[in-house]
Amino acid sequence: MFFDQIKEIDGSIKDLRDHLKNIGVAVDEHFDQLDDIAAHIIALEAIMIEVIKKVDIDADAAKEWVRENTEESTGNEGGSKKAPAVIDELVYGNKITPVAA
């Protein structure tokens, strides 16, 4: 009986080890996906900065678009709080200060 319990515990430990390995693989895959997304965002931002240097941008109109298109999904009056800060950084070169979502 005692040895049966030991075998059961050993099996549970092996199962746990396998689950932890699977979690580790999944985390690595998600990290790679996030890294890809970040690379795309950085590239798009670089392109937008170059476009903004050549084209006049109405930052207030862009912020209004953000408000109209994020107010409902965020549940915040005024919409996304972070996106207007990003607009200011891109258009005016202002450094983004952390803003609560």
PDB file of N, CA and C in Angstrom:
ATOM      1  N   MET A   1       0.824  -1.190   0.000  1.00  0.00           N
ATOM      2  CA  MET A   1       0.000   0.000   0.000  1.00  0.00           C
ATOM      3  C   MET A   1       0.873   1.260   0.000  1.00  0.00           C
ATOM      4  N   PHE A   2       1.885   1.296   0.847  1.00  0.00           N
ATOM      5  CA  PHE A   2       2.789   2.439   0.935  1.00  0.00           C
ATOM      6  C   PHE A   2       3.501   2.661  -0.394  1.00  0.00           C
ATOM      7  N   PHE A   3       3.970   1.567  -1.010  1.00  0.00           N
ATOM      8  CA  PHE A   3       4.687   1.689  -2.280  1.00  0.00           C
ATOM      9  C   PHE A   3       3.751   2.134  -3.413  1.00  0.00           C
ATOM     10  N   ASP A   4       2.487   1.759  -3.327  1.00  0.00           N
ATOM     11  CA  ASP A   4       1.502   2.220  -4.313  1.00  0.00           C
ATOM     12  C   ASP A   4       1.328   3.736  -4.222  1.00  0.00           C
ATOM     13  N   GLN A   5       1.326   4.241  -2.998  1.00  0.00           N
ATOM     14  CA  GLN A   5       1.198   5.692  -2.810  1.00  0.00           C
ATOM     15  C   GLN A   5       2.443   6.405  -3.347  1.00  0.00           C
ATOM     16  N   ILE A   6       3.603   5.810  -3.118  1.00  0.00           N
ATOM     17  CA  ILE A   6       4.857   6.393  -3.626  1.00  0.00           C
ATOM     18  C   ILE A   6       4.809   6.435  -5.158  1.00  0.00           C
ATOM     19  N   LYS A   7       4.354   5.347  -5.788  1.00  0.00           N
ATOM     20  CA  LYS A   7       4.260   5.298  -7.249  1.00  0.00           C
ATOM     21  C   LYS A   7       3.280   6.365  -7.750  1.00  0.00           C
ATOM     22  N   GLU A   8       2.184   6.535  -7.045  1.00  0.00           N
ATOM     23  CA  GLU A   8       1.191   7.538  -7.434  1.00  0.00           C
ATOM     24  C   GLU A   8       1.774   8.949  -7.322  1.00  0.00           C
ATOM     25  N   ILE A   9       2.494   9.215  -6.252  1.00  0.00           N
ATOM     26  CA  ILE A   9       3.144  10.524  -6.071  1.00  0.00           C
ATOM     27  C   ILE A   9       4.190  10.740  -7.154  1.00  0.00           C
ATOM     28  N   ASP A  10       4.969   9.701  -7.446  1.00  0.00           N
ATOM     29  CA  ASP A  10       5.987   9.798  -8.490  1.00  0.00           C
ATOM     30  C   ASP A  10       5.339  10.118  -9.839  1.00  0.00           C
ATOM     31  N   GLY A  11       4.223   9.446 -10.142  1.00  0.00           N
ATOM     32  CA  GLY A  11       3.498   9.723 -11.388  1.00  0.00           C
ATOM     33  C   GLY A  11       2.983  11.150 -11.437  1.00  0.00           C
ATOM     34  N   SER A  12       2.478  11.627 -10.312  1.00  0.00           N
ATOM     35  CA  SER A  12       1.982  13.004 -10.249  1.00  0.00           C
ATOM     36  C   SER A  12       3.111  14.002 -10.449  1.00  0.00           C
ATOM     37  N   ILE A  13       4.261  13.730  -9.884  1.00  0.00           N
ATOM     38  CA  ILE A  13       5.420  14.621 -10.043  1.00  0.00           C
ATOM     39  C   ILE A  13       5.869  14.648 -11.498  1.00  0.00           C
ATOM     40  N   LYS A  14       5.884  13.485 -12.148  1.00  0.00           N
ATOM     41  CA  LYS A  14       6.265  13.434 -13.564  1.00  0.00           C
ATOM     42  C   LYS A  14       5.261  14.186 -14.424  1.00  0.00           C
ATOM     43  N   ASP A  15       3.966  14.031 -14.105  1.00  0.00           N
ATOM     44  CA  ASP A  15       2.939  14.775 -14.841  1.00  0.00           C
ATOM     45  C   ASP A  15       3.123  16.280 -14.664  1.00  0.00           C
ATOM     46  N   LEU A  16       3.405  16.680 -13.429  1.00  0.00           N
ATOM     47  CA  LEU A  16       3.630  18.100 -13.146  1.00  0.00           C
ATOM     48  C   LEU A  16       4.832  18.609 -13.927  1.00  0.00           C
ATOM     49  N   ARG A  17       5.916  17.835 -13.961  1.00  0.00           N
ATOM     50  CA  ARG A  17       7.109  18.215 -14.715  1.00  0.00           C
ATOM     51  C   ARG A  17       6.763  18.419 -16.188  1.00  0.00           C
ATOM     52  N   ASP A  18       5.986  17.489 -16.760  1.00  0.00           N
ATOM     53  CA  ASP A  18       5.597  17.605 -18.166  1.00  0.00           C
ATOM     54  C   ASP A  18       4.742  18.844 -18.403  1.00  0.00           C
ATOM     55  N   HIS A  19       3.825  19.111 -17.479  1.00  0.00           N
ATOM     56  CA  HIS A  19       2.984  20.312 -17.613  1.00  0.00           C
ATOM     57  C   HIS A  19       3.823  21.579 -17.541  1.00  0.00           C
ATOM     58  N   LEU A  20       4.791  21.604 -16.648  1.00  0.00           N
ATOM     59  CA  LEU A  20       5.658  22.782 -16.527  1.00  0.00           C
ATOM     60  C   LEU A  20       6.498  22.982 -17.791  1.00  0.00           C
ATOM     61  N   LYS A  21       6.971  21.888 -18.372  1.00  0.00           N
ATOM     62  CA  LYS A  21       7.716  21.995 -19.636  1.00  0.00           C
ATOM     63  C   LYS A  21       6.829  22.584 -20.722  1.00  0.00           C
ATOM     64  N   ASN A  22       5.576  22.105 -20.798  1.00  0.00           N
ATOM     65  CA  ASN A  22       4.647  22.618 -21.805  1.00  0.00           C
ATOM     66  C   ASN A  22       4.355  24.101 -21.591  1.00  0.00           C
ATOM     67  N   ILE A  23       4.216  24.496 -20.339  1.00  0.00           N
ATOM     68  CA  ILE A  23       3.991  25.912 -20.028  1.00  0.00           C
ATOM     69  C   ILE A  23       5.200  26.732 -20.472  1.00  0.00           C
ATOM     70  N   GLY A  24       6.404  26.220 -20.210  1.00  0.00           N
ATOM     71  CA  GLY A  24       7.626  26.923 -20.620  1.00  0.00           C
ATOM     72  C   GLY A  24       7.694  27.119 -22.121  1.00  0.00           C
ATOM     73  N   VAL A  25       7.331  26.086 -22.882  1.00  0.00           N
ATOM     74  CA  VAL A  25       7.330  26.182 -24.344  1.00  0.00           C
ATOM     75  C   VAL A  25       6.303  27.224 -24.790  1.00  0.00           C
ATOM     76  N   ALA A  26       5.122  27.209 -24.191  1.00  0.00           N
ATOM     77  CA  ALA A  26       4.075  28.167 -24.552  1.00  0.00           C
ATOM     78  C   ALA A  26       4.511  29.601 -24.244  1.00  0.00           C
ATOM     79  N   VAL A  27       5.170  29.795 -23.111  1.00  0.00           N
ATOM     80  CA  VAL A  27       5.650  31.130 -22.755  1.00  0.00           C
ATOM     81  C   VAL A  27       6.677  31.610 -23.775  1.00  0.00           C
ATOM     82  N   ASP A  28       7.588  30.730 -24.172  1.00  0.00           N
ATOM     83  CA  ASP A  28       8.588  31.098 -25.182  1.00  0.00           C
ATOM     84  C   ASP A  28       7.924  31.492 -26.498  1.00  0.00           C
ATOM     85  N   GLU A  29       6.901  30.737 -26.904  1.00  0.00           N
ATOM     86  CA  GLU A  29       6.202  31.051 -28.146  1.00  0.00           C
ATOM     87  C   GLU A  29       5.487  32.394 -28.051  1.00  0.00           C
ATOM     88  N   HIS A  30       4.856  32.675 -26.916  1.00  0.00           N
ATOM     89  CA  HIS A  30       4.170  33.961 -26.741  1.00  0.00           C
ATOM     90  C   HIS A  30       5.174  35.108 -26.715  1.00  0.00           C
ATOM     91  N   PHE A  31       6.322  34.884 -26.103  1.00  0.00           N
ATOM     92  CA  PHE A  31       7.357  35.925 -26.079  1.00  0.00           C
ATOM     93  C   PHE A  31       7.807  36.234 -27.504  1.00  0.00           C
ATOM     94  N   ASP A  32       8.013  35.195 -28.313  1.00  0.00           N
ATOM     95  CA  ASP A  32       8.417  35.412 -29.701  1.00  0.00           C
ATOM     96  C   ASP A  32       7.353  36.198 -30.465  1.00  0.00           C
ATOM     97  N   GLN A  33       6.078  35.886 -30.217  1.00  0.00           N
ATOM     98  CA  GLN A  33       4.993  36.611 -30.881  1.00  0.00           C
ATOM     99  C   GLN A  33       4.979  38.075 -30.446  1.00  0.00           C
ATOM    100  N   LEU A  34       5.157  38.313 -29.156  1.00  0.00           N
ATOM    101  CA  LEU A  34       5.193  39.698 -28.668  1.00  0.00           C
ATOM    102  C   LEU A  34       6.382  40.452 -29.238  1.00  0.00           C
ATOM    103  N   ASP A  35       7.506  39.777 -29.376  1.00  0.00           N
ATOM    104  CA  ASP A  35       8.693  40.395 -29.960  1.00  0.00           C
ATOM    105  C   ASP A  35       8.429  40.774 -31.416  1.00  0.00           C
ATOM    106  N   ASP A  36       7.739  39.908 -32.153  1.00  0.00           N
ATOM    107  CA  ASP A  36       7.383  40.214 -33.539  1.00  0.00           C
ATOM    108  C   ASP A  36       6.461  41.430 -33.605  1.00  0.00           C
ATOM    109  N   ILE A  37       5.475  41.477 -32.726  1.00  0.00           N
ATOM    110  CA  ILE A  37       4.548  42.605 -32.694  1.00  0.00           C
ATOM    111  C   ILE A  37       5.304  43.894 -32.381  1.00  0.00           C
ATOM    112  N   ALA A  38       6.190  43.836 -31.400  1.00  0.00           N
ATOM    113  CA  ALA A  38       6.972  45.024 -31.034  1.00  0.00           C
ATOM    114  C   ALA A  38       7.817  45.502 -32.206  1.00  0.00           C
ATOM    115  N   ALA A  39       8.436  44.571 -32.919  1.00  0.00           N
ATOM    116  CA  ALA A  39       9.274  44.940 -34.068  1.00  0.00           C
ATOM    117  C   ALA A  39       8.430  45.636 -35.139  1.00  0.00           C
ATOM    118  N   HIS A  40       7.229  45.130 -35.380  1.00  0.00           N
ATOM    119  CA  HIS A  40       6.356  45.757 -36.365  1.00  0.00           C
ATOM    120  C   HIS A  40       5.941  47.156 -35.922  1.00  0.00           C
ATOM    121  N   ILE A  41       5.612  47.311 -34.657  1.00  0.00           N
ATOM    122  CA  ILE A  41       5.200  48.619 -34.146  1.00  0.00           C
ATOM    123  C   ILE A  41       6.346  49.616 -34.251  1.00  0.00           C
ATOM    124  N   ILE A  42       7.537  49.198 -33.905  1.00  0.00           N
ATOM    125  CA  ILE A  42       8.703  50.089 -33.990  1.00  0.00           C
ATOM    126  C   ILE A  42       8.947  50.501 -35.435  1.00  0.00           C
ATOM    127  N   ALA A  43       8.855  49.542 -36.354  1.00  0.00           N
ATOM    128  CA  ALA A  43       9.056  49.856 -37.772  1.00  0.00           C
ATOM    129  C   ALA A  43       7.990  50.821 -38.276  1.00  0.00           C
ATOM    130  N   LEU A  44       6.730  50.563 -37.919  1.00  0.00           N
ATOM    131  CA  LEU A  44       5.654  51.459 -38.337  1.00  0.00           C
ATOM    132  C   LEU A  44       5.832  52.859 -37.756  1.00  0.00           C
ATOM    133  N   GLU A  45       6.262  52.914 -36.513  1.00  0.00           N
ATOM    134  CA  GLU A  45       6.490  54.217 -35.886  1.00  0.00           C
ATOM    135  C   GLU A  45       7.596  54.977 -36.609  1.00  0.00           C
ATOM    136  N   ALA A  46       8.658  54.287 -36.977  1.00  0.00           N
ATOM    137  CA  ALA A  46       9.758  54.931 -37.699  1.00  0.00           C
ATOM    138  C   ALA A  46       9.282  55.469 -39.045  1.00  0.00           C
ATOM    139  N   ILE A  47       8.482  54.689 -39.739  1.00  0.00           N
ATOM    140  CA  ILE A  47       7.942  55.131 -41.025  1.00  0.00           C
ATOM    141  C   ILE A  47       7.030  56.332 -40.824  1.00  0.00           C
ATOM    142  N   MET A  48       6.167  56.272 -39.805  1.00  0.00           N
ATOM    143  CA  MET A  48       5.244  57.388 -39.555  1.00  0.00           C
ATOM    144  C   MET A  48       6.004  58.670 -39.219  1.00  0.00           C
ATOM    145  N   ILE A  49       7.062  58.555 -38.461  1.00  0.00           N
ATOM    146  CA  ILE A  49       7.845  59.748 -38.127  1.00  0.00           C
ATOM    147  C   ILE A  49       8.393  60.393 -39.388  1.00  0.00           C
ATOM    148  N   GLU A  50       8.858  59.571 -40.331  1.00  0.00           N
ATOM    149  CA  GLU A  50       9.373  60.113 -41.588  1.00  0.00           C
ATOM    150  C   GLU A  50       8.252  60.748 -42.413  1.00  0.00           C
ATOM    151  N   VAL A  51       7.076  60.154 -42.419  1.00  0.00           N
ATOM    152  CA  VAL A  51       5.928  60.719 -43.134  1.00  0.00           C
ATOM    153  C   VAL A  51       5.522  62.042 -42.493  1.00  0.00           C
ATOM    154  N   ILE A  52       5.479  62.060 -41.165  1.00  0.00           N
ATOM    155  CA  ILE A  52       5.067  63.275 -40.438  1.00  0.00           C
ATOM    156  C   ILE A  52       6.026  64.432 -40.707  1.00  0.00           C
ATOM    157  N   LYS A  53       7.285  64.139 -40.957  1.00  0.00           N
ATOM    158  CA  LYS A  53       8.254  65.194 -41.272  1.00  0.00           C
ATOM    159  C   LYS A  53       7.908  65.880 -42.594  1.00  0.00           C
ATOM    160  N   LYS A  54       7.212  65.167 -43.472  1.00  0.00           N
ATOM    161  CA  LYS A  54       6.935  65.692 -44.805  1.00  0.00           C
ATOM    162  C   LYS A  54       5.485  66.155 -45.002  1.00  0.00           C
ATOM    163  N   VAL A  55       4.595  65.727 -44.111  1.00  0.00           N
ATOM    164  CA  VAL A  55       3.171  66.009 -44.278  1.00  0.00           C
ATOM    165  C   VAL A  55       2.650  66.656 -42.998  1.00  0.00           C
ATOM    166  N   ASP A  56       1.838  67.710 -43.171  1.00  0.00           N
ATOM    167  CA  ASP A  56       1.216  68.328 -42.003  1.00  0.00           C
ATOM    168  C   ASP A  56       0.153  67.386 -41.450  1.00  0.00           C
ATOM    169  N   ILE A  57       0.201  67.168 -40.148  1.00  0.00           N
ATOM    170  CA  ILE A  57      -0.740  66.280 -39.471  1.00  0.00           C
ATOM    171  C   ILE A  57      -1.572  67.104 -38.504  1.00  0.00           C
ATOM    172  N   ASP A  58      -2.872  66.924 -38.547  1.00  0.00           N
ATOM    173  CA  ASP A  58      -3.766  67.574 -37.597  1.00  0.00           C
ATOM    174  C   ASP A  58      -3.878  66.657 -36.371  1.00  0.00           C
ATOM    175  N   ALA A  59      -3.041  66.926 -35.377  1.00  0.00           N
ATOM    176  CA  ALA A  59      -2.992  66.077 -34.186  1.00  0.00           C
ATOM    177  C   ALA A  59      -4.331  66.070 -33.454  1.00  0.00           C
ATOM    178  N   ASP A  60      -5.007  67.212 -33.421  1.00  0.00           N
ATOM    179  CA  ASP A  60      -6.309  67.269 -32.740  1.00  0.00           C
ATOM    180  C   ASP A  60      -7.338  66.378 -33.441  1.00  0.00           C
ATOM    181  N   ALA A  61      -7.323  66.355 -34.774  1.00  0.00           N
ATOM    182  CA  ALA A  61      -8.243  65.489 -35.514  1.00  0.00           C
ATOM    183  C   ALA A  61      -7.911  64.024 -35.249  1.00  0.00           C
ATOM    184  N   ALA A  62      -6.635  63.701 -35.169  1.00  0.00           N
ATOM    185  CA  ALA A  62      -6.219  62.328 -34.879  1.00  0.00           C
ATOM    186  C   ALA A  62      -6.683  61.922 -33.477  1.00  0.00           C
ATOM    187  N   LYS A  63      -6.541  62.838 -32.529  1.00  0.00           N
ATOM    188  CA  LYS A  63      -6.986  62.543 -31.156  1.00  0.00           C
ATOM    189  C   LYS A  63      -8.499  62.382 -31.101  1.00  0.00           C
ATOM    190  N   GLU A  64      -9.214  63.171 -31.870  1.00  0.00           N
ATOM    191  CA  GLU A  64     -10.670  63.051 -31.915  1.00  0.00           C
ATOM    192  C   GLU A  64     -11.072  61.700 -32.501  1.00  0.00           C
ATOM    193  N   TRP A  65     -10.355  61.275 -33.535  1.00  0.00           N
ATOM    194  CA  TRP A  65     -10.625  59.958 -34.128  1.00  0.00           C
ATOM    195  C   TRP A  65     -10.420  58.862 -33.085  1.00  0.00           C
ATOM    196  N   VAL A  66      -9.334  58.970 -32.329  1.00  0.00           N
ATOM    197  CA  VAL A  66      -9.056  57.992 -31.270  1.00  0.00           C
ATOM    198  C   VAL A  66     -10.194  58.001 -30.257  1.00  0.00           C
ATOM    199  N   ARG A  67     -10.600  59.183 -29.836  1.00  0.00           N
ATOM    200  CA  ARG A  67     -11.692  59.276 -28.853  1.00  0.00           C
ATOM    201  C   ARG A  67     -12.947  58.594 -29.373  1.00  0.00           C
ATOM    202  N   GLU A  68     -13.340  58.949 -30.579  1.00  0.00           N
ATOM    203  CA  GLU A  68     -14.563  58.381 -31.153  1.00  0.00           C
ATOM    204  C   GLU A  68     -14.486  56.863 -31.303  1.00  0.00           C
ATOM    205  N   ASN A  69     -13.308  56.353 -31.615  1.00  0.00           N
ATOM    206  CA  ASN A  69     -13.180  54.934 -31.920  1.00  0.00           C
ATOM    207  C   ASN A  69     -12.745  54.066 -30.739  1.00  0.00           C
ATOM    208  N   THR A  70     -12.461  54.696 -29.604  1.00  0.00           N
ATOM    209  CA  THR A  70     -12.052  53.893 -28.448  1.00  0.00           C
ATOM    210  C   THR A  70     -12.905  54.114 -27.211  1.00  0.00           C
ATOM    211  N   GLU A  71     -13.754  55.112 -27.259  1.00  0.00           N
ATOM    212  CA  GLU A  71     -14.560  55.440 -26.082  1.00  0.00           C
ATOM    213  C   GLU A  71     -15.416  54.244 -25.643  1.00  0.00           C
ATOM    214  N   GLU A  72     -16.102  53.624 -26.590  1.00  0.00           N
ATOM    215  CA  GLU A  72     -16.982  52.505 -26.244  1.00  0.00           C
ATOM    216  C   GLU A  72     -16.181  51.275 -25.812  1.00  0.00           C
ATOM    217  N   SER A  73     -15.133  50.939 -26.550  1.00  0.00           N
ATOM    218  CA  SER A  73     -14.384  49.718 -26.240  1.00  0.00           C
ATOM    219  C   SER A  73     -13.602  49.818 -24.936  1.00  0.00           C
ATOM    220  N   THR A  74     -13.158  51.024 -24.578  1.00  0.00           N
ATOM    221  CA  THR A  74     -12.410  51.179 -23.329  1.00  0.00           C
ATOM    222  C   THR A  74     -13.323  51.405 -22.136  1.00  0.00           C
ATOM    223  N   GLY A  75     -14.541  51.900 -22.413  1.00  0.00           N
ATOM    224  CA  GLY A  75     -15.450  52.228 -21.323  1.00  0.00           C
ATOM    225  C   GLY A  75     -15.061  53.519 -20.624  1.00  0.00           C
ATOM    226  N   ASN A  76     -14.100  54.236 -21.187  1.00  0.00           N
ATOM    227  CA  ASN A  76     -13.646  55.504 -20.609  1.00  0.00           C
ATOM    228  C   ASN A  76     -14.225  56.664 -21.397  1.00  0.00           C
ATOM    229  N   GLU A  77     -14.751  57.643 -20.684  1.00  0.00           N
ATOM    230  CA  GLU A  77     -15.178  58.860 -21.366  1.00  0.00           C
ATOM    231  C   GLU A  77     -13.924  59.505 -21.933  1.00  0.00           C
ATOM    232  N   GLY A  78     -13.917  59.768 -23.198  1.00  0.00           N
ATOM    233  CA  GLY A  78     -12.735  60.321 -23.844  1.00  0.00           C
ATOM    234  C   GLY A  78     -11.887  59.259 -24.515  1.00  0.00           C
ATOM    235  N   GLY A  79     -12.225  57.984 -24.322  1.00  0.00           N
ATOM    236  CA  GLY A  79     -11.510  56.900 -24.999  1.00  0.00           C
ATOM    237  C   GLY A  79     -10.145  56.618 -24.407  1.00  0.00           C
ATOM    238  N   SER A  80      -9.286  56.091 -25.255  1.00  0.00           N
ATOM    239  CA  SER A  80      -7.942  55.704 -24.823  1.00  0.00           C
ATOM    240  C   SER A  80      -7.187  56.897 -24.268  1.00  0.00           C
ATOM    241  N   LYS A  81      -6.538  56.702 -23.148  1.00  0.00           N
ATOM    242  CA  LYS A  81      -5.731  57.773 -22.550  1.00  0.00           C
ATOM    243  C   LYS A  81      -4.307  57.740 -23.089  1.00  0.00           C
ATOM    244  N   LYS A  82      -3.849  56.567 -23.512  1.00  0.00           N
ATOM    245  CA  LYS A  82      -2.462  56.416 -23.967  1.00  0.00           C
ATOM    246  C   LYS A  82      -2.268  56.855 -25.413  1.00  0.00           C
ATOM    247  N   ALA A  83      -3.241  56.575 -26.272  1.00  0.00           N
ATOM    248  CA  ALA A  83      -3.086  56.880 -27.696  1.00  0.00           C
ATOM    249  C   ALA A  83      -2.833  58.371 -27.959  1.00  0.00           C
ATOM    250  N   PRO A  84      -3.549  59.292 -27.310  1.00  0.00           N
ATOM    251  CA  PRO A  84      -3.244  60.712 -27.550  1.00  0.00           C
ATOM    252  C   PRO A  84      -1.802  61.082 -27.159  1.00  0.00           C
ATOM    253  N   ALA A  85      -1.272  60.434 -26.137  1.00  0.00           N
ATOM    254  CA  ALA A  85       0.126  60.692 -25.755  1.00  0.00           C
ATOM    255  C   ALA A  85       1.074  60.213 -26.851  1.00  0.00           C
ATOM    256  N   VAL A  86       0.736  59.093 -27.475  1.00  0.00           N
ATOM    257  CA  VAL A  86       1.556  58.587 -28.581  1.00  0.00           C
ATOM    258  C   VAL A  86       1.470  59.551 -29.764  1.00  0.00           C
ATOM    259  N   ILE A  87       0.276  60.061 -30.023  1.00  0.00           N
ATOM    260  CA  ILE A  87       0.120  61.046 -31.102  1.00  0.00           C
ATOM    261  C   ILE A  87       1.007  62.251 -30.836  1.00  0.00           C
ATOM    262  N   ASP A  88       1.003  62.768 -29.609  1.00  0.00           N
ATOM    263  CA  ASP A  88       1.855  63.916 -29.269  1.00  0.00           C
ATOM    264  C   ASP A  88       3.328  63.597 -29.485  1.00  0.00           C
ATOM    265  N   GLU A  89       3.724  62.384 -29.112  1.00  0.00           N
ATOM    266  CA  GLU A  89       5.132  62.017 -29.299  1.00  0.00           C
ATOM    267  C   GLU A  89       5.495  61.986 -30.775  1.00  0.00           C
ATOM    268  N   LEU A  90       4.625  61.388 -31.575  1.00  0.00           N
ATOM    269  CA  LEU A  90       4.927  61.275 -32.997  1.00  0.00           C
ATOM    270  C   LEU A  90       4.903  62.625 -33.701  1.00  0.00           C
ATOM    271  N   VAL A  91       3.891  63.437 -33.406  1.00  0.00           N
ATOM    272  CA  VAL A  91       3.715  64.706 -34.119  1.00  0.00           C
ATOM    273  C   VAL A  91       4.633  65.794 -33.592  1.00  0.00           C
ATOM    274  N   TYR A  92       4.747  65.892 -32.279  1.00  0.00           N
ATOM    275  CA  TYR A  92       5.494  66.993 -31.678  1.00  0.00           C
ATOM    276  C   TYR A  92       6.835  66.585 -31.096  1.00  0.00           C
ATOM    277  N   GLY A  93       7.109  65.292 -31.045  1.00  0.00           N
ATOM    278  CA  GLY A  93       8.362  64.824 -30.472  1.00  0.00           C
ATOM    279  C   GLY A  93       8.353  64.835 -28.953  1.00  0.00           C
ATOM    280  N   ASN A  94       7.172  64.991 -28.342  1.00  0.00           N
ATOM    281  CA  ASN A  94       7.092  64.978 -26.876  1.00  0.00           C
ATOM    282  C   ASN A  94       7.339  63.558 -26.381  1.00  0.00           C
ATOM    283  N   LYS A  95       8.133  63.454 -25.349  1.00  0.00           N
ATOM    284  CA  LYS A  95       8.376  62.146 -24.743  1.00  0.00           C
ATOM    285  C   LYS A  95       7.090  61.683 -24.055  1.00  0.00           C
ATOM    286  N   ILE A  96       6.780  60.409 -24.262  1.00  0.00           N
ATOM    287  CA  ILE A  96       5.587  59.848 -23.643  1.00  0.00           C
ATOM    288  C   ILE A  96       5.835  59.657 -22.146  1.00  0.00           C
ATOM    289  N   THR A  97       4.913  60.205 -21.368  1.00  0.00           N
ATOM    290  CA  THR A  97       4.939  59.937 -19.932  1.00  0.00           C
ATOM    291  C   THR A  97       3.866  58.899 -19.658  1.00  0.00           C
ATOM    292  N   PRO A  98       4.151  57.943 -18.790  1.00  0.00           N
ATOM    293  CA  PRO A  98       3.163  56.889 -18.544  1.00  0.00           C
ATOM    294  C   PRO A  98       1.818  57.485 -18.146  1.00  0.00           C
ATOM    295  N   VAL A  99       0.768  56.973 -18.789  1.00  0.00           N
ATOM    296  CA  VAL A  99      -0.597  57.406 -18.536  1.00  0.00           C
ATOM    297  C   VAL A  99      -1.392  56.173 -18.178  1.00  0.00           C
ATOM    298  N   ALA A 100      -2.212  56.293 -17.158  1.00  0.00           N
ATOM    299  CA  ALA A 100      -3.066  55.159 -16.777  1.00  0.00           C
ATOM    300  C   ALA A 100      -4.022  54.839 -17.906  1.00  0.00           C
ATOM    301  N   ALA A 101      -4.233  53.550 -18.127  1.00  0.00           N
ATOM    302  CA  ALA A 101      -5.144  53.114 -19.193  1.00  0.00           C
ATOM    303  C   ALA A 101      -6.505  53.608 -18.868  1.00  0.00           C
TER     304      ALA A 101
END
